[in-house]
Amino acid sequence: MKRAAPSPANGGARRDLRGQHLHLEPTSGIAGDMAVAALVDAGVPQSVVTKAIASMGVPGLRTRFEKRQRGAFVGRGFVVTYPGMNAKRAVHGDVDDHEHGSGHVHVHVNDHGGEHEHAHAHAHEHAHAHRDYAEIRRLLRRAKLDTEVRALAAEIFARIADVEASLHGTSVDAVTFHEVGAFDSIADVVGVAAAIAWLAPGSIGSAPPVVGTGHARTAHGRVMVPAPATAELLRGIPILAEGEGELTTPTGAAILAATVDAFGPPPPMRVRAIGYGAGTRELHDRPNVLRVLVGEPLGRVEETPSGEVTIVEANIDDMSPELVAPLFEAVLAAGAVDVWSTPILMKKGRPAITVSAMAAPAAVAAVERAFFRCSTTIGVRRYGVARTVLARSLVDVDTAYGPVRVKVGAVGGEVIGAQPEFEDCRRRAVATGASVREVMSAAAAASRALLPVTAPVPAKSRRRRARRS
């Protein structure tokens, strides 16, 4: 998605939220209504969403926001109503539109907190209205929407329609949204597009979405979770199969696919706002909320492989120590993220070293070639390991000796540490005649401004705590 600069015409509160980094945390999955609610809870004016939806000109479509508590979290819910809603649910056996799980399902297209707004490419037996994809495109063209809102809403709808057409062997124009689904789809998709366009984020990230487990009901029978449309929309995106039932819906998946630049932990940033979008259903193993973070990224984000990595290593007892450093350089150049050596004793008491390298799976073959080309080993071992890493970025800080890069680490976007880069400090020391220790000390002092400010505990409180302990 092409980012647009914030427009003064949009106005509204919390202008400091605009142009920042937006990060989604779908640890309980994601649905369209939860995304709308979370963005408004984070500071997007409600009027931005409601006016955009009203501009679509759909008779009887109404929306509102409400306070909800899910587990230990208080968040916001997004409620959609339309004429004859309860009667239509009774006819089709629908569950609540804002609930994870599904009731009336033809072909999953969209859902509120878990029940899908459904599309189907076949004739419907019931005698009420439908909205096909072509009509939704016409509504978008005629609506008084900002260019960015219209473009993003059209992209999300197009992704859903393309997937449904492919799954059911029909043309995109033949995809039809059932009336119940059409109301919810329009509210969710246009609402999300309006909220994101108002924020005009410089970048959008997301944790891998939790998709749920088990089965979902469809008009064609029970299917595995994630449902076929959801799985197709999430193709190429990292996912987590956790939780009970269906937690990520086709609409939620389409929003992620259309907007997110990178999946992983939030980058080091100064968090300016947090929002919680709540679904209707209570989940047994986790709070049914989608959290979003909005903040100012710090420095240049470093991409670091996490999750599964491979260790490649060899025991070497017949190579000159002078060749160890060139071996390290070759292994790193081949794509390893780290390399180290360990002194060992081999058979017959011979002193030796184990050279170990850590690499992402895609770089393993090149790393192995570096071992064989640049060492005397005739074999290597490899095994997979899992690791957890901090999100990190590089920030330039000013010192009396010149600028020095500082590596910043963060958990959940919150900075927890900042360490000067040694090579920068050494270069500044050589250039100025200072010691490396002096430059590192100056850089460490400057980097404290990147850490969150913690209020000191008053002396009286410290004394009371000491007496209690």
Protein backbone atom coordinates (compact mmCIF):
# COMPACT_ATOMS: atom_id res chain seq x y z
CA MET A 1 0.00 0.00 0.00
CA LYS A 2 1.40 3.38 -0.96
CA ARG A 3 1.56 5.70 2.04
CA ALA A 4 0.14 9.19 1.81
CA ALA A 5 1.40 12.14 3.81
CA PRO A 6 -1.00 13.35 6.52
CA SER A 7 -3.44 15.93 5.17
CA PRO A 8 -4.25 18.94 7.37
CA ALA A 9 -7.80 18.84 6.01
CA ASN A 10 -8.57 15.69 7.99
CA GLY A 11 -8.02 17.45 11.29
CA GLY A 12 -9.20 15.79 14.47
CA ALA A 13 -7.61 15.05 17.82
CA ARG A 14 -4.25 13.40 18.42
CA ARG A 15 -2.45 14.75 15.37
CA ASP A 16 0.75 13.32 16.91
CA LEU A 17 -0.52 9.86 15.93
CA ARG A 18 -0.38 10.60 12.23
CA GLY A 19 2.53 9.51 10.05
CA GLN A 20 3.84 7.13 12.75
CA HIS A 21 4.33 3.36 12.80
CA LEU A 22 1.17 1.27 13.22
CA HIS A 23 1.59 -2.21 14.67
CA LEU A 24 -1.14 -4.84 14.99
CA GLU A 25 -1.02 -7.69 17.49
CA PRO A 26 -3.58 -10.34 16.42
CA THR A 27 -2.76 -12.75 19.28
CA SER A 28 -6.46 -13.62 19.46
CA GLY A 29 -6.91 -13.44 15.71
CA ILE A 30 -8.28 -10.55 13.69
CA ALA A 31 -11.67 -9.70 12.23
CA GLY A 32 -12.85 -6.57 10.46
CA ASP A 33 -14.90 -5.17 13.34
CA MET A 34 -12.06 -5.72 15.82
CA ALA A 35 -9.66 -3.80 13.56
CA VAL A 36 -12.06 -0.85 13.24
CA ALA A 37 -12.64 -0.76 17.00
CA ALA A 38 -8.94 -1.01 17.88
CA LEU A 39 -7.98 1.87 15.58
CA VAL A 40 -10.68 4.11 17.03
CA ASP A 41 -9.71 3.07 20.56
CA ALA A 42 -6.14 4.13 19.75
CA GLY A 43 -7.24 7.65 18.81
CA VAL A 44 -8.76 7.75 15.33
CA PRO A 45 -11.86 9.99 15.63
CA GLN A 46 -15.08 7.98 15.49
CA SER A 47 -16.49 10.48 13.00
CA VAL A 48 -13.80 9.52 10.48
CA VAL A 49 -15.19 5.98 10.38
CA THR A 50 -18.90 6.74 10.63
CA LYS A 51 -18.84 9.47 7.95
CA ALA A 52 -16.95 7.24 5.52
CA ILE A 53 -19.45 4.41 5.99
CA ALA A 54 -22.41 6.80 5.67
CA SER A 55 -20.99 8.13 2.40
CA MET A 56 -21.49 4.68 0.83
CA GLY A 57 -25.22 5.47 0.74
CA VAL A 58 -26.44 2.04 1.88
CA PRO A 59 -30.03 2.51 3.16
CA GLY A 60 -30.53 1.54 6.79
CA LEU A 61 -26.88 0.75 7.55
CA ARG A 62 -26.03 2.06 11.04
CA THR A 63 -22.87 1.77 13.13
CA ARG A 64 -21.88 2.59 16.68
CA PHE A 65 -19.11 1.94 19.16
CA GLU A 66 -19.45 0.52 22.67
CA LYS A 67 -17.29 -0.32 25.65
CA ARG A 68 -16.49 -4.02 26.14
CA GLN A 69 -14.43 -6.03 28.61
CA ARG A 70 -12.82 -9.25 27.47
CA GLY A 71 -10.83 -11.07 30.12
CA ALA A 72 -8.76 -8.51 31.99
CA PHE A 73 -8.88 -5.96 29.15
CA VAL A 74 -11.35 -3.15 28.56
CA GLY A 75 -11.62 -2.29 24.89
CA ARG A 76 -14.02 -1.02 22.30
CA GLY A 77 -16.58 -2.86 20.22
CA PHE A 78 -17.87 -1.93 16.76
CA VAL A 79 -21.58 -2.65 16.23
CA VAL A 80 -23.28 -2.79 12.82
CA THR A 81 -27.07 -2.80 12.45
CA TYR A 82 -29.28 -2.84 9.37
CA PRO A 83 -32.97 -3.34 8.49
CA GLY A 84 -34.37 -6.80 9.19
CA MET A 85 -31.10 -7.95 10.75
CA ASN A 86 -32.67 -10.21 13.37
CA ALA A 87 -35.10 -11.74 10.89
CA LYS A 88 -32.32 -12.53 8.43
CA ARG A 89 -30.30 -14.18 11.18
CA ALA A 90 -33.30 -16.28 12.16
CA VAL A 91 -33.80 -17.45 8.57
CA HIS A 92 -30.17 -18.41 8.10
CA GLY A 93 -29.21 -19.50 11.60
CA ASP A 94 -26.67 -16.69 11.99
CA VAL A 95 -24.72 -16.13 15.16
CA ASP A 96 -23.76 -12.67 16.33
CA ASP A 97 -21.93 -10.77 13.60
CA HIS A 98 -19.28 -9.66 16.09
CA GLU A 99 -18.40 -13.10 17.38
CA HIS A 100 -15.50 -15.43 16.65
CA GLY A 101 -17.06 -18.58 15.20
CA SER A 102 -19.49 -19.10 12.37
CA GLY A 103 -23.15 -19.84 11.97
CA HIS A 104 -24.72 -19.11 8.57
CA VAL A 105 -21.94 -19.75 6.08
CA HIS A 106 -21.98 -20.16 2.34
CA VAL A 107 -18.51 -19.23 1.22
CA HIS A 108 -16.59 -17.26 3.85
CA VAL A 109 -15.91 -13.70 2.76
CA ASN A 110 -15.92 -11.46 5.79
CA ASP A 111 -16.87 -11.48 9.42
CA HIS A 112 -17.30 -9.49 12.56
CA GLY A 113 -15.19 -10.96 15.31
CA GLY A 114 -15.51 -14.41 13.81
CA GLU A 115 -18.83 -14.94 12.01
CA HIS A 116 -18.17 -14.48 8.35
CA GLU A 117 -19.78 -12.14 5.92
CA HIS A 118 -20.33 -14.67 3.28
CA ALA A 119 -19.99 -14.64 -0.47
CA HIS A 120 -21.10 -17.25 -2.89
CA ALA A 121 -20.77 -17.63 -6.61
CA HIS A 122 -23.92 -19.65 -7.10
CA ALA A 123 -27.65 -18.79 -7.25
CA HIS A 124 -29.20 -18.40 -3.82
CA GLU A 125 -32.39 -20.23 -3.02
CA HIS A 126 -33.79 -17.55 -0.73
CA ALA A 127 -35.74 -14.67 -2.10
CA HIS A 128 -33.97 -11.64 -0.75
CA ALA A 129 -31.46 -9.20 -2.15
CA HIS A 130 -27.78 -9.71 -2.85
CA ARG A 131 -24.91 -7.35 -3.57
CA ASP A 132 -22.46 -8.60 -6.12
CA TYR A 133 -18.86 -7.45 -6.32
CA ALA A 134 -19.63 -5.20 -9.29
CA GLU A 135 -22.27 -3.34 -7.25
CA ILE A 136 -19.88 -2.84 -4.34
CA ARG A 137 -17.34 -1.38 -6.78
CA ARG A 138 -20.04 1.02 -8.03
CA LEU A 139 -20.86 2.06 -4.47
CA LEU A 140 -17.18 2.79 -3.83
CA ARG A 141 -16.85 4.88 -7.01
CA ARG A 142 -19.94 6.97 -6.18
CA ALA A 143 -19.19 7.49 -2.48
CA LYS A 144 -17.71 10.79 -1.31
CA LEU A 145 -14.52 9.22 -0.03
CA ASP A 146 -10.96 10.49 0.02
CA THR A 147 -8.81 8.92 -2.68
CA GLU A 148 -6.73 6.96 -0.16
CA VAL A 149 -9.83 5.53 1.54
CA ARG A 150 -11.44 4.46 -1.72
CA ALA A 151 -8.22 2.87 -3.02
CA LEU A 152 -7.56 0.84 0.14
CA ALA A 153 -11.18 -0.32 0.50
CA ALA A 154 -11.19 -1.36 -3.16
CA GLU A 155 -7.97 -3.33 -2.69
CA ILE A 156 -9.32 -5.23 0.34
CA PHE A 157 -12.58 -6.08 -1.44
CA ALA A 158 -10.65 -7.12 -4.56
CA ARG A 159 -8.46 -9.52 -2.59
CA ILE A 160 -11.51 -11.20 -1.07
CA ALA A 161 -13.35 -11.43 -4.40
CA ASP A 162 -10.29 -12.77 -6.25
CA VAL A 163 -9.81 -15.54 -3.69
CA GLU A 164 -13.48 -16.53 -3.70
CA ALA A 165 -13.61 -16.61 -7.50
CA SER A 166 -10.47 -18.76 -7.65
CA LEU A 167 -11.70 -21.19 -4.98
CA HIS A 168 -15.04 -21.74 -6.67
CA GLY A 169 -13.93 -21.70 -10.27
CA THR A 170 -15.88 -18.64 -11.37
CA SER A 171 -15.21 -15.09 -12.52
CA VAL A 172 -14.68 -12.23 -10.09
CA ASP A 173 -17.79 -10.43 -11.34
CA ALA A 174 -19.89 -13.52 -10.52
CA VAL A 175 -18.97 -13.40 -6.82
CA THR A 176 -22.07 -12.36 -4.89
CA PHE A 177 -22.18 -11.09 -1.34
CA HIS A 178 -25.20 -12.27 0.59
CA GLU A 179 -27.14 -9.27 1.92
CA VAL A 180 -26.27 -9.96 5.55
CA GLY A 181 -22.61 -10.19 4.64
CA ALA A 182 -22.73 -7.14 2.37
CA PHE A 183 -23.79 -4.80 5.17
CA ASP A 184 -21.07 -6.05 7.49
CA SER A 185 -18.46 -6.15 4.73
CA ILE A 186 -19.08 -2.55 3.73
CA ALA A 187 -18.94 -1.31 7.32
CA ASP A 188 -15.77 -3.22 8.19
CA VAL A 189 -13.76 -2.65 5.04
CA VAL A 190 -14.64 1.01 4.54
CA GLY A 191 -14.23 1.69 8.27
CA VAL A 192 -10.75 0.17 8.37
CA ALA A 193 -9.72 1.97 5.19
CA ALA A 194 -10.90 5.33 6.58
CA ALA A 195 -9.12 4.82 9.91
CA ILE A 196 -5.82 3.81 8.30
CA ALA A 197 -5.99 6.64 5.78
CA TRP A 198 -6.54 9.12 8.61
CA LEU A 199 -3.50 7.78 10.49
CA ALA A 200 -1.45 7.83 7.25
CA PRO A 201 1.16 5.58 8.89
CA GLY A 202 4.70 5.71 7.62
CA SER A 203 4.83 1.93 8.06
CA ILE A 204 2.54 -0.88 9.19
CA GLY A 205 3.66 -4.05 10.93
CA SER A 206 1.94 -7.00 12.55
CA ALA A 207 2.70 -9.99 14.70
CA PRO A 208 1.94 -13.29 12.93
CA PRO A 209 -1.83 -13.75 13.20
CA VAL A 210 -3.26 -16.52 15.36
CA VAL A 211 -5.69 -18.37 13.09
CA GLY A 212 -7.26 -20.83 15.54
CA THR A 213 -7.62 -24.60 15.36
CA GLY A 214 -10.27 -27.22 14.63
CA HIS A 215 -13.03 -26.92 12.05
CA ALA A 216 -15.41 -24.30 10.68
CA ARG A 217 -18.91 -24.91 9.33
CA THR A 218 -19.67 -23.96 5.74
CA ALA A 219 -22.53 -24.60 3.33
CA HIS A 220 -20.25 -27.20 1.72
CA GLY A 221 -19.57 -29.02 4.99
CA ARG A 222 -16.96 -28.81 7.73
CA VAL A 223 -13.57 -27.46 6.71
CA MET A 224 -10.29 -27.19 8.55
CA VAL A 225 -9.25 -23.91 10.19
CA PRO A 226 -8.05 -21.66 8.68
CA ALA A 227 -10.98 -21.74 6.27
CA PRO A 228 -10.07 -21.97 2.56
CA ALA A 229 -10.52 -18.25 1.83
CA THR A 230 -8.56 -17.24 4.93
CA ALA A 231 -5.72 -19.62 4.07
CA GLU A 232 -5.48 -18.25 0.53
CA LEU A 233 -5.49 -14.64 1.72
CA LEU A 234 -2.70 -15.45 4.18
CA ARG A 235 -0.54 -17.24 1.60
CA GLY A 236 3.11 -16.31 2.25
CA ILE A 237 2.31 -14.74 5.65
CA PRO A 238 3.57 -16.37 8.88
CA ILE A 239 0.69 -17.70 11.00
CA LEU A 240 0.22 -19.38 14.38
CA ALA A 241 -2.22 -22.30 14.76
CA GLU A 242 -3.40 -21.68 18.33
CA GLY A 243 -6.66 -21.08 20.17
CA GLU A 244 -10.06 -22.68 19.92
CA GLY A 245 -12.13 -22.42 16.75
CA GLU A 246 -11.73 -19.91 13.93
CA LEU A 247 -9.99 -16.74 15.14
CA THR A 248 -8.74 -15.01 11.98
CA THR A 249 -11.46 -14.34 9.43
CA PRO A 250 -11.25 -13.67 5.70
CA THR A 251 -11.82 -9.94 6.22
CA GLY A 252 -9.11 -9.81 8.87
CA ALA A 253 -6.76 -11.78 6.62
CA ALA A 254 -7.48 -9.46 3.68
CA ILE A 255 -6.74 -6.40 5.84
CA LEU A 256 -3.37 -7.86 6.86
CA ALA A 257 -2.50 -8.88 3.30
CA ALA A 258 -3.40 -5.46 1.88
CA THR A 259 -1.76 -3.21 4.48
CA VAL A 260 1.10 -4.86 6.41
CA ASP A 261 4.68 -4.17 5.30
CA ALA A 262 6.43 -6.70 7.57
CA PHE A 263 5.46 -9.39 10.08
CA GLY A 264 7.27 -9.73 13.38
CA PRO A 265 7.67 -7.91 16.70
CA PRO A 266 7.10 -4.15 16.85
CA PRO A 267 10.25 -2.12 16.21
CA PRO A 268 11.86 -0.02 18.95
CA MET A 269 9.64 3.04 19.17
CA ARG A 270 8.18 5.68 21.44
CA VAL A 271 4.64 4.37 21.89
CA ARG A 272 2.12 7.21 21.62
CA ALA A 273 -1.16 5.31 21.73
CA ILE A 274 -2.56 1.83 22.36
CA GLY A 275 -5.98 0.59 21.25
CA TYR A 276 -7.98 -2.55 22.01
CA GLY A 277 -10.67 -3.85 19.67
CA ALA A 278 -12.91 -6.43 21.36
CA GLY A 279 -14.97 -9.18 19.79
CA THR A 280 -18.30 -10.35 21.20
CA ARG A 281 -17.48 -13.88 22.27
CA GLU A 282 -15.46 -14.72 25.37
CA LEU A 283 -12.58 -17.08 24.56
CA HIS A 284 -11.55 -19.70 27.11
CA ASP A 285 -7.79 -19.44 26.73
CA ARG A 286 -7.16 -15.75 25.89
CA PRO A 287 -8.84 -12.34 25.94
CA ASN A 288 -10.76 -11.79 22.71
CA VAL A 289 -9.07 -8.50 21.78
CA LEU A 290 -6.92 -7.12 18.98
CA ARG A 291 -4.28 -4.68 20.22
CA VAL A 292 -2.75 -1.96 18.07
CA LEU A 293 0.25 0.21 18.89
CA VAL A 294 0.96 3.61 17.33
CA GLY A 295 4.37 5.15 17.88
CA GLU A 296 7.47 6.87 16.58
CA PRO A 297 10.05 4.35 15.31
CA LEU A 298 13.59 4.85 16.59
CA GLY A 299 16.36 4.80 13.99
CA ARG A 300 16.74 2.27 11.19
CA VAL A 301 15.08 -1.06 11.92
CA GLU A 302 17.36 -4.09 11.62
CA GLU A 303 15.88 -7.20 10.04
CA THR A 304 16.98 -10.15 12.16
CA PRO A 305 15.90 -13.75 11.49
CA SER A 306 13.95 -15.18 14.40
CA GLY A 307 12.09 -18.39 15.02
CA GLU A 308 13.77 -21.44 13.46
CA VAL A 309 17.46 -21.12 12.58
CA THR A 310 20.10 -23.74 11.76
CA ILE A 311 23.42 -24.31 13.51
CA VAL A 312 26.22 -25.44 11.18
CA GLU A 313 29.42 -26.54 12.93
CA ALA A 314 32.63 -28.54 12.58
CA ASN A 315 35.37 -29.83 14.89
CA ILE A 316 38.79 -28.78 13.54
CA ASP A 317 42.17 -29.98 14.89
CA ASP A 318 44.51 -29.59 11.90
CA MET A 319 44.18 -25.95 10.81
CA SER A 320 46.50 -23.05 11.56
CA PRO A 321 44.95 -20.59 14.07
CA GLU A 322 45.74 -17.82 11.57
CA LEU A 323 42.99 -19.18 9.30
CA VAL A 324 40.21 -18.95 11.91
CA ALA A 325 39.58 -15.22 11.37
CA PRO A 326 39.32 -15.58 7.54
CA LEU A 327 36.94 -18.52 8.08
CA PHE A 328 34.74 -16.35 10.31
CA GLU A 329 34.67 -13.62 7.66
CA ALA A 330 33.75 -16.07 4.90
CA VAL A 331 30.96 -17.66 6.93
CA LEU A 332 29.47 -14.26 7.79
CA ALA A 333 29.74 -13.15 4.17
CA ALA A 334 27.84 -16.32 3.17
CA GLY A 335 24.85 -15.19 5.23
CA ALA A 336 25.40 -16.46 8.77
CA VAL A 337 23.92 -14.21 11.46
CA ASP A 338 26.56 -15.24 14.01
CA VAL A 339 29.72 -17.35 14.25
CA TRP A 340 31.87 -18.43 17.19
CA SER A 341 34.50 -20.97 18.25
CA THR A 342 34.85 -23.18 21.33
CA PRO A 343 38.05 -24.88 22.51
CA ILE A 344 37.67 -28.66 22.84
CA LEU A 345 39.75 -31.83 23.30
CA MET A 346 39.38 -34.51 20.66
CA LYS A 347 40.41 -38.17 20.67
CA LYS A 348 43.92 -38.91 21.88
CA GLY A 349 43.81 -35.62 23.81
CA ARG A 350 44.42 -33.42 20.78
CA PRO A 351 43.45 -29.76 21.35
CA ALA A 352 40.97 -28.49 18.75
CA ILE A 353 38.16 -25.99 18.23
CA THR A 354 34.51 -26.26 17.29
CA VAL A 355 33.52 -23.55 14.83
CA SER A 356 29.77 -22.91 14.93
CA ALA A 357 27.65 -20.68 12.72
CA MET A 358 24.00 -19.71 13.02
CA ALA A 359 22.08 -19.16 9.80
CA ALA A 360 18.57 -18.76 8.48
CA PRO A 361 17.48 -21.87 6.53
CA ALA A 362 17.89 -20.12 3.18
CA ALA A 363 21.58 -19.40 3.88
CA VAL A 364 22.61 -22.88 5.13
CA ALA A 365 23.93 -24.17 1.79
CA ALA A 366 26.15 -21.10 1.27
CA VAL A 367 27.45 -21.30 4.85
CA GLU A 368 28.37 -24.95 4.39
CA ARG A 369 30.29 -24.10 1.21
CA ALA A 370 32.21 -21.44 3.16
CA PHE A 371 33.21 -24.06 5.74
CA PHE A 372 34.55 -26.42 3.06
CA ARG A 373 36.32 -23.70 1.06
CA CYS A 374 37.97 -21.88 3.95
CA SER A 375 38.77 -24.59 6.51
CA THR A 376 40.33 -28.03 6.61
CA THR A 377 37.18 -29.83 7.74
CA ILE A 378 35.84 -32.67 5.62
CA GLY A 379 32.36 -32.62 7.17
CA VAL A 380 29.91 -30.39 9.04
CA ARG A 381 26.97 -31.00 11.34
CA ARG A 382 23.72 -29.08 11.22
CA TYR A 383 20.66 -28.99 13.43
CA GLY A 384 17.73 -26.69 13.88
CA VAL A 385 17.12 -24.56 16.95
CA ALA A 386 14.44 -22.07 17.92
CA ARG A 387 15.34 -18.65 19.22
CA THR A 388 13.66 -15.50 20.41
CA VAL A 389 15.26 -12.16 19.61
CA LEU A 390 14.56 -8.57 20.55
CA ALA A 391 13.32 -6.21 17.90
CA ARG A 392 16.23 -3.88 17.21
CA SER A 393 17.20 -0.74 15.37
CA LEU A 394 20.26 1.49 14.90
CA VAL A 395 20.04 5.09 16.13
CA ASP A 396 22.67 7.80 15.64
CA VAL A 397 23.50 9.74 18.81
CA ASP A 398 25.66 12.87 19.00
CA THR A 399 28.77 12.92 21.20
CA ALA A 400 31.67 15.29 21.65
CA TYR A 401 33.65 12.95 19.39
CA GLY A 402 31.07 12.87 16.60
CA PRO A 403 28.00 10.73 15.82
CA VAL A 404 27.99 7.14 17.03
CA ARG A 405 25.50 4.42 16.16
CA VAL A 406 23.66 2.80 19.07
CA LYS A 407 21.89 -0.54 18.84
CA VAL A 408 18.47 -0.31 20.51
CA GLY A 409 16.55 -3.39 21.67
CA ALA A 410 12.84 -3.47 22.46
CA VAL A 411 10.07 -5.79 23.65
CA GLY A 412 6.55 -4.94 22.51
CA GLY A 413 7.88 -1.71 21.06
CA GLU A 414 9.21 -0.57 24.46
CA VAL A 415 12.94 0.13 24.49
CA ILE A 416 14.71 -1.90 27.19
CA GLY A 417 18.36 -1.36 26.25
CA ALA A 418 20.75 0.70 24.11
CA GLN A 419 24.35 -0.27 23.42
CA PRO A 420 26.95 1.77 21.42
CA GLU A 421 28.42 0.00 18.38
CA PHE A 422 32.06 -0.83 19.16
CA GLU A 423 33.40 -0.27 15.65
CA ASP A 424 31.91 3.23 15.53
CA CYS A 425 33.48 4.03 18.88
CA ARG A 426 36.85 2.74 17.71
CA ARG A 427 36.71 4.83 14.51
CA ARG A 428 35.84 7.96 16.49
CA ALA A 429 38.66 7.25 18.94
CA VAL A 430 41.20 6.95 16.11
CA ALA A 431 39.91 10.11 14.42
CA THR A 432 39.97 12.25 17.60
CA GLY A 433 42.87 10.77 19.55
CA ALA A 434 40.61 9.79 22.45
CA SER A 435 40.51 6.35 24.01
CA VAL A 436 37.85 3.88 22.91
CA ARG A 437 36.63 3.75 26.51
CA GLU A 438 36.05 7.52 26.55
CA VAL A 439 34.06 7.44 23.33
CA MET A 440 31.98 4.46 24.50
CA SER A 441 31.22 6.22 27.78
CA ALA A 442 30.08 9.37 25.95
CA ALA A 443 27.92 7.35 23.56
CA ALA A 444 26.37 5.36 26.43
CA ALA A 445 25.49 8.61 28.20
CA ALA A 446 23.88 10.01 25.03
CA SER A 447 21.92 6.81 24.48
CA ARG A 448 20.12 7.16 27.83
CA ALA A 449 17.79 9.63 26.14
CA LEU A 450 16.43 6.69 24.12
CA LEU A 451 15.36 4.76 27.20
CA PRO A 452 11.89 5.23 28.74
CA VAL A 453 11.75 7.63 31.64
CA THR A 454 10.89 5.95 34.93
CA ALA A 455 9.71 8.07 37.83
CA PRO A 456 11.92 7.74 40.93
CA VAL A 457 10.36 6.09 43.99
CA PRO A 458 9.96 8.68 46.80
CA ALA A 459 12.15 8.12 49.84
CA LYS A 460 9.11 7.58 52.09
CA SER A 461 7.85 4.82 49.84
CA ARG A 462 11.26 3.16 49.83
CA ARG A 463 11.32 3.21 53.64
CA ARG A 464 7.78 1.76 53.88
CA ARG A 465 8.74 -1.04 51.46
CA ALA A 466 11.88 -1.77 53.47
CA ARG A 467 9.86 -2.03 56.71
CA ARG A 468 7.31 -4.38 55.10
CA SER A 469 10.06 -6.65 53.81
